[in-house]
Amino acid sequence: MGSTAEDLTMVAAGATLVSALVAVIAGVAGVASLSA
């Protein structure tokens, strides 16, 4: 750990996870609003 490349990889992985979570939450909210 400690190298810039590893830091960037960690940040990229975190951003991918966050965006995936947001997409899932938005999808669930959309389905809920449609079915409501």
PDB file of N, CA and C in Angstrom:
ATOM      1  N   MET A   1       0.851  -1.196   0.000  1.00  0.00           N
ATOM      2  CA  MET A   1       0.000   0.000   0.000  1.00  0.00           C
ATOM      3  C   MET A   1       0.888   1.248   0.000  1.00  0.00           C
ATOM      4  N   GLY A   2       0.274   2.387  -0.348  1.00  0.00           N
ATOM      5  CA  GLY A   2       1.010   3.629  -0.276  1.00  0.00           C
ATOM      6  C   GLY A   2       1.339   4.210  -1.629  1.00  0.00           C
ATOM      7  N   SER A   3       1.354   3.357  -2.675  1.00  0.00           N
ATOM      8  CA  SER A   3       1.671   3.888  -4.001  1.00  0.00           C
ATOM      9  C   SER A   3       0.456   4.594  -4.580  1.00  0.00           C
ATOM     10  N   THR A   4       0.711   5.555  -5.469  1.00  0.00           N
ATOM     11  CA  THR A   4      -0.386   6.328  -6.049  1.00  0.00           C
ATOM     12  C   THR A   4      -1.312   5.437  -6.861  1.00  0.00           C
ATOM     13  N   ALA A   5      -0.743   4.495  -7.596  1.00  0.00           N
ATOM     14  CA  ALA A   5      -1.562   3.614  -8.436  1.00  0.00           C
ATOM     15  C   ALA A   5      -2.516   2.794  -7.577  1.00  0.00           C
ATOM     16  N   GLU A   6      -2.024   2.300  -6.442  1.00  0.00           N
ATOM     17  CA  GLU A   6      -2.889   1.509  -5.571  1.00  0.00           C
ATOM     18  C   GLU A   6      -3.987   2.380  -4.967  1.00  0.00           C
ATOM     19  N   ASP A   7      -3.624   3.609  -4.612  1.00  0.00           N
ATOM     20  CA  ASP A   7      -4.626   4.523  -4.068  1.00  0.00           C
ATOM     21  C   ASP A   7      -5.713   4.794  -5.100  1.00  0.00           C
ATOM     22  N   LEU A   8      -5.298   5.028  -6.347  1.00  0.00           N
ATOM     23  CA  LEU A   8      -6.278   5.298  -7.398  1.00  0.00           C
ATOM     24  C   LEU A   8      -7.170   4.092  -7.623  1.00  0.00           C
ATOM     25  N   THR A   9      -6.584   2.888  -7.551  1.00  0.00           N
ATOM     26  CA  THR A   9      -7.379   1.670  -7.733  1.00  0.00           C
ATOM     27  C   THR A   9      -8.417   1.543  -6.626  1.00  0.00           C
ATOM     28  N   MET A  10      -8.004   1.839  -5.392  1.00  0.00           N
ATOM     29  CA  MET A  10      -8.928   1.765  -4.271  1.00  0.00           C
ATOM     30  C   MET A  10     -10.056   2.777  -4.439  1.00  0.00           C
ATOM     31  N   VAL A  11      -9.709   3.990  -4.846  1.00  0.00           N
ATOM     32  CA  VAL A  11     -10.719   5.034  -5.036  1.00  0.00           C
ATOM     33  C   VAL A  11     -11.677   4.646  -6.156  1.00  0.00           C
ATOM     34  N   ALA A  12     -11.128   4.091  -7.240  1.00  0.00           N
ATOM     35  CA  ALA A  12     -11.969   3.693  -8.367  1.00  0.00           C
ATOM     36  C   ALA A  12     -12.912   2.572  -7.956  1.00  0.00           C
ATOM     37  N   ALA A  13     -12.406   1.617  -7.188  1.00  0.00           N
ATOM     38  CA  ALA A  13     -13.251   0.509  -6.738  1.00  0.00           C
ATOM     39  C   ALA A  13     -14.354   1.032  -5.819  1.00  0.00           C
ATOM     40  N   GLY A  14     -14.011   1.952  -4.944  1.00  0.00           N
ATOM     41  CA  GLY A  14     -15.005   2.531  -4.044  1.00  0.00           C
ATOM     42  C   GLY A  14     -16.065   3.299  -4.807  1.00  0.00           C
ATOM     43  N   ALA A  15     -15.644   4.068  -5.806  1.00  0.00           N
ATOM     44  CA  ALA A  15     -16.591   4.848  -6.597  1.00  0.00           C
ATOM     45  C   ALA A  15     -17.521   3.923  -7.372  1.00  0.00           C
ATOM     46  N   THR A  16     -16.966   2.815  -7.891  1.00  0.00           N
ATOM     47  CA  THR A  16     -17.794   1.857  -8.627  1.00  0.00           C
ATOM     48  C   THR A  16     -18.835   1.239  -7.707  1.00  0.00           C
ATOM     49  N   LEU A  17     -18.413   0.875  -6.488  1.00  0.00           N
ATOM     50  CA  LEU A  17     -19.349   0.286  -5.532  1.00  0.00           C
ATOM     51  C   LEU A  17     -20.447   1.277  -5.170  1.00  0.00           C
ATOM     52  N   VAL A  18     -20.059   2.525  -4.920  1.00  0.00           N
ATOM     53  CA  VAL A  18     -21.035   3.545  -4.532  1.00  0.00           C
ATOM     54  C   VAL A  18     -22.034   3.790  -5.656  1.00  0.00           C
ATOM     55  N   SER A  19     -21.524   3.902  -6.897  1.00  0.00           N
ATOM     56  CA  SER A  19     -22.422   4.163  -8.023  1.00  0.00           C
ATOM     57  C   SER A  19     -23.363   2.986  -8.237  1.00  0.00           C
ATOM     58  N   ALA A  20     -22.870   1.765  -8.029  1.00  0.00           N
ATOM     59  CA  ALA A  20     -23.722   0.586  -8.180  1.00  0.00           C
ATOM     60  C   ALA A  20     -24.815   0.591  -7.114  1.00  0.00           C
ATOM     61  N   LEU A  21     -24.453   0.936  -5.882  1.00  0.00           N
ATOM     62  CA  LEU A  21     -25.439   0.998  -4.805  1.00  0.00           C
ATOM     63  C   LEU A  21     -26.496   2.052  -5.101  1.00  0.00           C
ATOM     64  N   VAL A  22     -26.055   3.222  -5.575  1.00  0.00           N
ATOM     65  CA  VAL A  22     -26.992   4.299  -5.898  1.00  0.00           C
ATOM     66  C   VAL A  22     -27.941   3.859  -7.003  1.00  0.00           C
ATOM     67  N   ALA A  23     -27.404   3.147  -8.004  1.00  0.00           N
ATOM     68  CA  ALA A  23     -28.241   2.687  -9.109  1.00  0.00           C
ATOM     69  C   ALA A  23     -29.287   1.699  -8.607  1.00  0.00           C
ATOM     70  N   VAL A  24     -28.884   0.789  -7.730  1.00  0.00           N
ATOM     71  CA  VAL A  24     -29.821  -0.198  -7.187  1.00  0.00           C
ATOM     72  C   VAL A  24     -30.906   0.494  -6.370  1.00  0.00           C
ATOM     73  N   ILE A  25     -30.495   1.433  -5.511  1.00  0.00           N
ATOM     74  CA  ILE A  25     -31.463   2.149  -4.672  1.00  0.00           C
ATOM     75  C   ILE A  25     -32.433   2.942  -5.542  1.00  0.00           C
ATOM     76  N   ALA A  26     -31.901   3.602  -6.580  1.00  0.00           N
ATOM     77  CA  ALA A  26     -32.758   4.380  -7.474  1.00  0.00           C
ATOM     78  C   ALA A  26     -33.726   3.461  -8.203  1.00  0.00           C
ATOM     79  N   GLY A  27     -33.259   2.293  -8.611  1.00  0.00           N
ATOM     80  CA  GLY A  27     -34.126   1.334  -9.301  1.00  0.00           C
ATOM     81  C   GLY A  27     -35.249   0.858  -8.392  1.00  0.00           C
ATOM     82  N   VAL A  28     -34.907   0.533  -7.156  1.00  0.00           N
ATOM     83  CA  VAL A  28     -35.919   0.074  -6.205  1.00  0.00           C
ATOM     84  C   VAL A  28     -36.936   1.179  -5.940  1.00  0.00           C
ATOM     85  N   ALA A  29     -36.449   2.406  -5.777  1.00  0.00           N
ATOM     86  CA  ALA A  29     -37.348   3.532  -5.527  1.00  0.00           C
ATOM     87  C   ALA A  29     -38.255   3.754  -6.729  1.00  0.00           C
ATOM     88  N   GLY A  30     -37.701   3.603  -7.932  1.00  0.00           N
ATOM     89  CA  GLY A  30     -38.503   3.786  -9.142  1.00  0.00           C
ATOM     90  C   GLY A  30     -39.597   2.740  -9.244  1.00  0.00           C
ATOM     91  N   VAL A  31     -39.258   1.498  -8.984  1.00  0.00           N
ATOM     92  CA  VAL A  31     -40.251   0.423  -9.042  1.00  0.00           C
ATOM     93  C   VAL A  31     -41.323   0.642  -7.978  1.00  0.00           C
ATOM     94  N   ALA A  32     -40.908   1.055  -6.796  1.00  0.00           N
ATOM     95  CA  ALA A  32     -41.860   1.282  -5.710  1.00  0.00           C
ATOM     96  C   ALA A  32     -42.828   2.407  -6.073  1.00  0.00           C
ATOM     97  N   SER A  33     -42.301   3.477  -6.685  1.00  0.00           N
ATOM     98  CA  SER A  33     -43.162   4.607  -7.037  1.00  0.00           C
ATOM     99  C   SER A  33     -44.100   4.220  -8.174  1.00  0.00           C
ATOM    100  N   LEU A  34     -43.629   3.363  -9.082  1.00  0.00           N
ATOM    101  CA  LEU A  34     -44.484   2.935 -10.194  1.00  0.00           C
ATOM    102  C   LEU A  34     -45.614   2.048  -9.689  1.00  0.00           C
ATOM    103  N   SER A  35     -45.301   1.153  -8.748  1.00  0.00           N
ATOM    104  CA  SER A  35     -46.300   0.197  -8.278  1.00  0.00           C
ATOM    105  C   SER A  35     -47.221   0.828  -7.241  1.00  0.00           C
ATOM    106  N   ALA A  36     -46.821   1.947  -6.654  1.00  0.00           N
ATOM    107  CA  ALA A  36     -47.627   2.578  -5.617  1.00  0.00           C
ATOM    108  C   ALA A  36     -48.878   3.213  -6.223  1.00  0.00           C
TER     109      ALA A  36
END
